[in-house]
Amino acid sequence: MNYRQELGRKGERLAINFLKAEGWQIKAHNYRIGHKEIDIIASKNNILSLFEIKTIMNNNKHDIISLSQQKTLRQAHLAFCHYYQIEPALVSYALIVVSYKNKLANLQYYPSFL
C-alpha cells in the first residue's frame, strides 16, 4: 500500500471514530455498488447517510472533489437508493474532510454535501 492510500485509510478510521462519538451507527465501510464505492454508510436518529471521506495534507483544499467525482458520487447515491428501494430524498450524502498539518488532524463535517 502506498503512502497516499495509507493516508486515506487513516483518514477514514478517524472519520469512523468521529461518527461513532457523535452517535452514528456504522452500517458499512468501503461499500461497493457496481464500480462505485461509498466510503461509509451510517445511521443516526432514523437518518441514513452516505459519507464521502477526503483526506488532505497541509490544508490543500484546491479541488477537494472535482465535478466528475461529484457526478460519480451522485450516481453511487442513486444506485444505492435504487438497489434498496429507498427514496433518494430520504438518504443524505455527507462529506468529511480530514486535513493534516504538522501531523495534527482536523475534521470538518458537511452534513448535506450533494
N, C-alpha and C. Protein backbone atom coordinates (compact mmCIF):
# COMPACT_ATOMS: atom_id res chain seq x y z
N MET A 1 0.85 -1.17 0.00
CA MET A 1 0.00 0.00 0.00
C MET A 1 0.90 1.24 0.00
N ASN A 2 0.59 2.20 -0.88
CA ASN A 2 1.44 3.38 -0.95
C ASN A 2 1.03 4.41 0.11
N TYR A 3 1.83 5.45 0.23
CA TYR A 3 1.64 6.47 1.26
C TYR A 3 0.26 7.13 1.16
N ARG A 4 -0.15 7.44 -0.04
CA ARG A 4 -1.44 8.12 -0.27
C ARG A 4 -2.61 7.23 0.16
N GLN A 5 -2.53 5.95 -0.17
CA GLN A 5 -3.58 5.02 0.23
C GLN A 5 -3.64 4.88 1.76
N GLU A 6 -2.47 4.78 2.38
CA GLU A 6 -2.41 4.66 3.83
C GLU A 6 -2.97 5.92 4.50
N LEU A 7 -2.65 7.07 3.96
CA LEU A 7 -3.18 8.32 4.50
C LEU A 7 -4.71 8.35 4.38
N GLY A 8 -5.23 7.89 3.26
CA GLY A 8 -6.68 7.84 3.06
C GLY A 8 -7.34 6.89 4.04
N ARG A 9 -6.75 5.74 4.27
CA ARG A 9 -7.31 4.78 5.23
C ARG A 9 -7.27 5.34 6.65
N LYS A 10 -6.20 6.03 6.97
CA LYS A 10 -6.09 6.65 8.29
C LYS A 10 -7.19 7.70 8.47
N GLY A 11 -7.43 8.48 7.43
CA GLY A 11 -8.50 9.48 7.46
C GLY A 11 -9.86 8.84 7.64
N GLU A 12 -10.10 7.71 6.97
CA GLU A 12 -11.38 7.00 7.12
C GLU A 12 -11.54 6.47 8.54
N ARG A 13 -10.47 5.95 9.13
CA ARG A 13 -10.56 5.47 10.51
C ARG A 13 -10.88 6.62 11.47
N LEU A 14 -10.26 7.77 11.27
CA LEU A 14 -10.56 8.93 12.10
C LEU A 14 -12.02 9.36 11.93
N ALA A 15 -12.50 9.33 10.68
CA ALA A 15 -13.89 9.71 10.41
C ALA A 15 -14.86 8.74 11.09
N ILE A 16 -14.57 7.45 11.03
CA ILE A 16 -15.42 6.45 11.69
C ILE A 16 -15.45 6.71 13.19
N ASN A 17 -14.30 6.95 13.79
CA ASN A 17 -14.26 7.23 15.23
C ASN A 17 -15.05 8.49 15.57
N PHE A 18 -14.94 9.52 14.72
CA PHE A 18 -15.69 10.75 14.92
C PHE A 18 -17.19 10.48 14.85
N LEU A 19 -17.62 9.75 13.83
CA LEU A 19 -19.05 9.47 13.67
C LEU A 19 -19.59 8.66 14.85
N LYS A 20 -18.85 7.65 15.28
CA LYS A 20 -19.28 6.87 16.44
C LYS A 20 -19.42 7.75 17.68
N ALA A 21 -18.46 8.64 17.88
CA ALA A 21 -18.51 9.54 19.04
C ALA A 21 -19.71 10.48 18.97
N GLU A 22 -20.17 10.77 17.75
CA GLU A 22 -21.32 11.64 17.55
C GLU A 22 -22.64 10.87 17.57
N GLY A 23 -22.57 9.56 17.83
CA GLY A 23 -23.78 8.76 17.95
C GLY A 23 -24.25 8.07 16.68
N TRP A 24 -23.45 8.10 15.63
CA TRP A 24 -23.80 7.41 14.38
C TRP A 24 -23.50 5.93 14.53
N GLN A 25 -24.35 5.11 13.94
CA GLN A 25 -24.11 3.66 13.89
C GLN A 25 -23.57 3.35 12.49
N ILE A 26 -22.38 2.80 12.43
CA ILE A 26 -21.75 2.47 11.15
C ILE A 26 -22.40 1.22 10.59
N LYS A 27 -22.96 1.33 9.40
CA LYS A 27 -23.62 0.20 8.74
C LYS A 27 -22.66 -0.51 7.77
N ALA A 28 -21.80 0.26 7.11
CA ALA A 28 -20.86 -0.33 6.15
C ALA A 28 -19.69 0.63 5.94
N HIS A 29 -18.56 0.06 5.56
CA HIS A 29 -17.34 0.82 5.28
C HIS A 29 -16.80 0.33 3.94
N ASN A 30 -16.47 1.25 3.05
CA ASN A 30 -16.00 0.92 1.70
C ASN A 30 -16.98 0.00 0.97
N TYR A 31 -18.24 0.39 0.98
CA TYR A 31 -19.32 -0.37 0.36
C TYR A 31 -19.28 -0.19 -1.15
N ARG A 32 -19.25 -1.29 -1.87
CA ARG A 32 -19.20 -1.24 -3.33
C ARG A 32 -20.58 -1.52 -3.90
N ILE A 33 -20.94 -0.69 -4.87
CA ILE A 33 -22.18 -0.89 -5.61
C ILE A 33 -21.81 -0.71 -7.08
N GLY A 34 -21.73 -1.82 -7.79
CA GLY A 34 -21.21 -1.78 -9.16
C GLY A 34 -19.74 -1.41 -9.11
N HIS A 35 -19.36 -0.43 -9.93
CA HIS A 35 -17.96 0.02 -9.96
C HIS A 35 -17.74 1.22 -9.04
N LYS A 36 -18.75 1.60 -8.30
CA LYS A 36 -18.66 2.76 -7.44
C LYS A 36 -18.48 2.33 -5.98
N GLU A 37 -17.93 3.22 -5.18
CA GLU A 37 -17.72 2.91 -3.77
C GLU A 37 -18.26 4.04 -2.90
N ILE A 38 -18.90 3.65 -1.82
CA ILE A 38 -19.36 4.60 -0.81
C ILE A 38 -18.46 4.37 0.40
N ASP A 39 -17.78 5.43 0.84
CA ASP A 39 -16.79 5.27 1.91
C ASP A 39 -17.41 4.75 3.20
N ILE A 40 -18.48 5.40 3.66
CA ILE A 40 -19.12 4.99 4.91
C ILE A 40 -20.63 5.15 4.77
N ILE A 41 -21.37 4.16 5.26
CA ILE A 41 -22.82 4.25 5.36
C ILE A 41 -23.13 4.19 6.84
N ALA A 42 -23.88 5.17 7.34
CA ALA A 42 -24.17 5.24 8.77
C ALA A 42 -25.59 5.76 9.00
N SER A 43 -26.12 5.47 10.19
CA SER A 43 -27.45 5.96 10.54
C SER A 43 -27.43 6.57 11.94
N LYS A 44 -28.34 7.52 12.13
CA LYS A 44 -28.49 8.18 13.43
C LYS A 44 -29.88 8.80 13.46
N ASN A 45 -30.62 8.54 14.51
CA ASN A 45 -31.96 9.13 14.67
C ASN A 45 -32.84 8.92 13.43
N ASN A 46 -32.86 7.71 12.92
CA ASN A 46 -33.65 7.35 11.74
C ASN A 46 -33.23 8.09 10.47
N ILE A 47 -32.01 8.59 10.45
CA ILE A 47 -31.46 9.23 9.25
C ILE A 47 -30.37 8.32 8.70
N LEU A 48 -30.47 8.02 7.43
CA LEU A 48 -29.44 7.22 6.75
C LEU A 48 -28.59 8.18 5.93
N SER A 49 -27.29 8.08 6.07
CA SER A 49 -26.40 8.98 5.35
C SER A 49 -25.24 8.21 4.74
N LEU A 50 -24.88 8.63 3.54
CA LEU A 50 -23.72 8.09 2.84
C LEU A 50 -22.62 9.14 2.99
N PHE A 51 -21.43 8.70 3.39
CA PHE A 51 -20.34 9.63 3.66
C PHE A 51 -19.20 9.45 2.66
N GLU A 52 -18.74 10.56 2.14
CA GLU A 52 -17.51 10.60 1.35
C GLU A 52 -16.45 11.17 2.27
N ILE A 53 -15.29 10.51 2.34
CA ILE A 53 -14.20 10.97 3.20
C ILE A 53 -13.04 11.40 2.30
N LYS A 54 -12.57 12.62 2.51
CA LYS A 54 -11.42 13.13 1.77
C LYS A 54 -10.34 13.50 2.77
N THR A 55 -9.14 13.02 2.53
CA THR A 55 -8.01 13.30 3.40
C THR A 55 -7.00 14.12 2.62
N ILE A 56 -6.62 15.26 3.19
CA ILE A 56 -5.69 16.16 2.50
C ILE A 56 -4.54 16.53 3.44
N MET A 57 -3.44 16.95 2.86
CA MET A 57 -2.26 17.37 3.63
C MET A 57 -2.10 18.88 3.53
N ASN A 58 -1.67 19.48 4.61
CA ASN A 58 -1.32 20.90 4.66
C ASN A 58 -2.42 21.83 4.16
N ASN A 59 -3.68 21.46 4.46
CA ASN A 59 -4.84 22.28 4.09
C ASN A 59 -4.90 22.62 2.61
N ASN A 60 -4.45 21.71 1.77
CA ASN A 60 -4.51 21.90 0.33
C ASN A 60 -5.93 21.58 -0.15
N LYS A 61 -6.82 22.56 -0.07
CA LYS A 61 -8.23 22.34 -0.36
C LYS A 61 -8.59 22.61 -1.83
N HIS A 62 -7.60 22.86 -2.65
CA HIS A 62 -7.86 23.12 -4.06
C HIS A 62 -8.47 21.87 -4.70
N ASP A 63 -9.68 22.03 -5.18
CA ASP A 63 -10.37 20.93 -5.87
C ASP A 63 -10.44 19.66 -5.02
N ILE A 64 -10.99 19.76 -3.82
CA ILE A 64 -11.13 18.58 -2.97
C ILE A 64 -11.91 17.50 -3.71
N ILE A 65 -13.03 17.90 -4.31
CA ILE A 65 -13.83 16.95 -5.08
C ILE A 65 -14.20 17.62 -6.40
N SER A 66 -13.70 17.05 -7.48
CA SER A 66 -13.95 17.61 -8.81
C SER A 66 -15.40 17.41 -9.22
N LEU A 67 -15.81 18.08 -10.27
CA LEU A 67 -17.17 17.93 -10.78
C LEU A 67 -17.43 16.50 -11.24
N SER A 68 -16.44 15.85 -11.84
CA SER A 68 -16.64 14.46 -12.28
C SER A 68 -16.77 13.52 -11.07
N GLN A 69 -16.02 13.80 -10.00
CA GLN A 69 -16.16 13.00 -8.78
C GLN A 69 -17.54 13.22 -8.15
N GLN A 70 -18.03 14.45 -8.17
CA GLN A 70 -19.37 14.73 -7.65
C GLN A 70 -20.42 13.97 -8.45
N LYS A 71 -20.24 13.90 -9.75
CA LYS A 71 -21.17 13.16 -10.61
C LYS A 71 -21.16 11.67 -10.22
N THR A 72 -19.97 11.12 -10.01
CA THR A 72 -19.84 9.71 -9.62
C THR A 72 -20.50 9.47 -8.27
N LEU A 73 -20.33 10.40 -7.32
CA LEU A 73 -20.96 10.26 -6.01
C LEU A 73 -22.48 10.29 -6.12
N ARG A 74 -23.00 11.16 -6.97
CA ARG A 74 -24.46 11.21 -7.18
C ARG A 74 -24.95 9.89 -7.78
N GLN A 75 -24.19 9.35 -8.72
CA GLN A 75 -24.57 8.08 -9.32
C GLN A 75 -24.56 6.96 -8.28
N ALA A 76 -23.56 6.95 -7.40
CA ALA A 76 -23.49 5.94 -6.33
C ALA A 76 -24.69 6.09 -5.39
N HIS A 77 -25.04 7.32 -5.07
CA HIS A 77 -26.19 7.60 -4.21
C HIS A 77 -27.47 7.06 -4.83
N LEU A 78 -27.68 7.36 -6.10
CA LEU A 78 -28.89 6.88 -6.80
C LEU A 78 -28.90 5.37 -6.94
N ALA A 79 -27.75 4.78 -7.24
CA ALA A 79 -27.67 3.32 -7.38
C ALA A 79 -27.98 2.64 -6.04
N PHE A 80 -27.44 3.18 -4.97
CA PHE A 80 -27.70 2.64 -3.64
C PHE A 80 -29.20 2.71 -3.33
N CYS A 81 -29.80 3.86 -3.55
CA CYS A 81 -31.22 4.05 -3.26
C CYS A 81 -32.08 3.14 -4.14
N HIS A 82 -31.72 3.02 -5.40
CA HIS A 82 -32.47 2.15 -6.31
C HIS A 82 -32.38 0.69 -5.85
N TYR A 83 -31.18 0.25 -5.53
CA TYR A 83 -30.97 -1.14 -5.13
C TYR A 83 -31.78 -1.48 -3.88
N TYR A 84 -31.80 -0.57 -2.91
CA TYR A 84 -32.51 -0.83 -1.65
C TYR A 84 -33.93 -0.26 -1.65
N GLN A 85 -34.37 0.24 -2.79
CA GLN A 85 -35.72 0.79 -2.97
C GLN A 85 -36.05 1.84 -1.90
N ILE A 86 -35.15 2.81 -1.80
CA ILE A 86 -35.30 3.91 -0.86
C ILE A 86 -35.43 5.19 -1.67
N GLU A 87 -36.33 6.06 -1.27
CA GLU A 87 -36.48 7.36 -1.92
C GLU A 87 -35.18 8.15 -1.73
N PRO A 88 -34.52 8.60 -2.83
CA PRO A 88 -33.24 9.30 -2.69
C PRO A 88 -33.28 10.50 -1.75
N ALA A 89 -34.41 11.19 -1.67
CA ALA A 89 -34.50 12.35 -0.79
C ALA A 89 -34.39 11.96 0.69
N LEU A 90 -34.60 10.69 1.00
CA LEU A 90 -34.53 10.23 2.39
C LEU A 90 -33.13 9.82 2.81
N VAL A 91 -32.19 9.83 1.86
CA VAL A 91 -30.81 9.43 2.15
C VAL A 91 -29.90 10.62 1.82
N SER A 92 -29.23 11.13 2.84
CA SER A 92 -28.36 12.28 2.61
C SER A 92 -26.96 11.80 2.19
N TYR A 93 -26.23 12.71 1.57
CA TYR A 93 -24.84 12.44 1.23
C TYR A 93 -24.02 13.49 1.94
N ALA A 94 -23.13 13.05 2.81
CA ALA A 94 -22.34 13.96 3.63
C ALA A 94 -20.86 13.84 3.26
N LEU A 95 -20.12 14.85 3.66
CA LEU A 95 -18.68 14.89 3.39
C LEU A 95 -17.94 15.15 4.69
N ILE A 96 -16.88 14.40 4.89
CA ILE A 96 -15.95 14.68 5.98
C ILE A 96 -14.58 14.89 5.36
N VAL A 97 -13.99 16.04 5.65
CA VAL A 97 -12.64 16.35 5.17
C VAL A 97 -11.70 16.24 6.36
N VAL A 98 -10.72 15.37 6.22
CA VAL A 98 -9.68 15.20 7.24
C VAL A 98 -8.44 15.87 6.69
N SER A 99 -8.02 16.94 7.35
CA SER A 99 -6.83 17.65 6.87
C SER A 99 -5.73 17.53 7.91
N TYR A 100 -4.53 17.29 7.42
CA TYR A 100 -3.36 17.15 8.28
C TYR A 100 -2.45 18.35 8.06
N LYS A 101 -2.00 18.91 9.17
CA LYS A 101 -0.99 19.96 9.13
C LYS A 101 -0.09 19.73 10.32
N ASN A 102 1.19 19.59 10.07
CA ASN A 102 2.17 19.30 11.13
C ASN A 102 1.78 18.06 11.94
N LYS A 103 1.30 17.03 11.25
CA LYS A 103 0.92 15.74 11.82
C LYS A 103 -0.31 15.80 12.73
N LEU A 104 -0.99 16.93 12.75
CA LEU A 104 -2.22 17.05 13.53
C LEU A 104 -3.41 16.98 12.58
N ALA A 105 -4.42 16.20 12.96
CA ALA A 105 -5.60 16.03 12.12
C ALA A 105 -6.70 16.98 12.54
N ASN A 106 -7.40 17.53 11.55
CA ASN A 106 -8.56 18.37 11.77
C ASN A 106 -9.68 17.82 10.91
N LEU A 107 -10.86 17.59 11.51
CA LEU A 107 -12.00 17.07 10.77
C LEU A 107 -13.03 18.17 10.56
N GLN A 108 -13.54 18.25 9.34
CA GLN A 108 -14.64 19.16 9.03
C GLN A 108 -15.77 18.32 8.47
N TYR A 109 -16.95 18.51 9.02
CA TYR A 109 -18.12 17.71 8.68
C TYR A 109 -19.14 18.58 7.95
N TYR A 110 -19.52 18.15 6.76
CA TYR A 110 -20.52 18.83 5.95
C TYR A 110 -21.70 17.88 5.78
N PRO A 111 -22.78 18.06 6.57
CA PRO A 111 -23.87 17.07 6.59
C PRO A 111 -24.68 16.95 5.31
N SER A 112 -24.78 17.98 4.54
CA SER A 112 -25.56 17.93 3.29
C SER A 112 -24.67 18.33 2.13
N PHE A 113 -23.92 17.38 1.65
CA PHE A 113 -22.90 17.69 0.65
C PHE A 113 -23.45 17.77 -0.77
N LEU A 114 -24.21 16.78 -1.19
CA LEU A 114 -24.72 16.78 -2.57
C LEU A 114 -26.16 17.21 -2.62
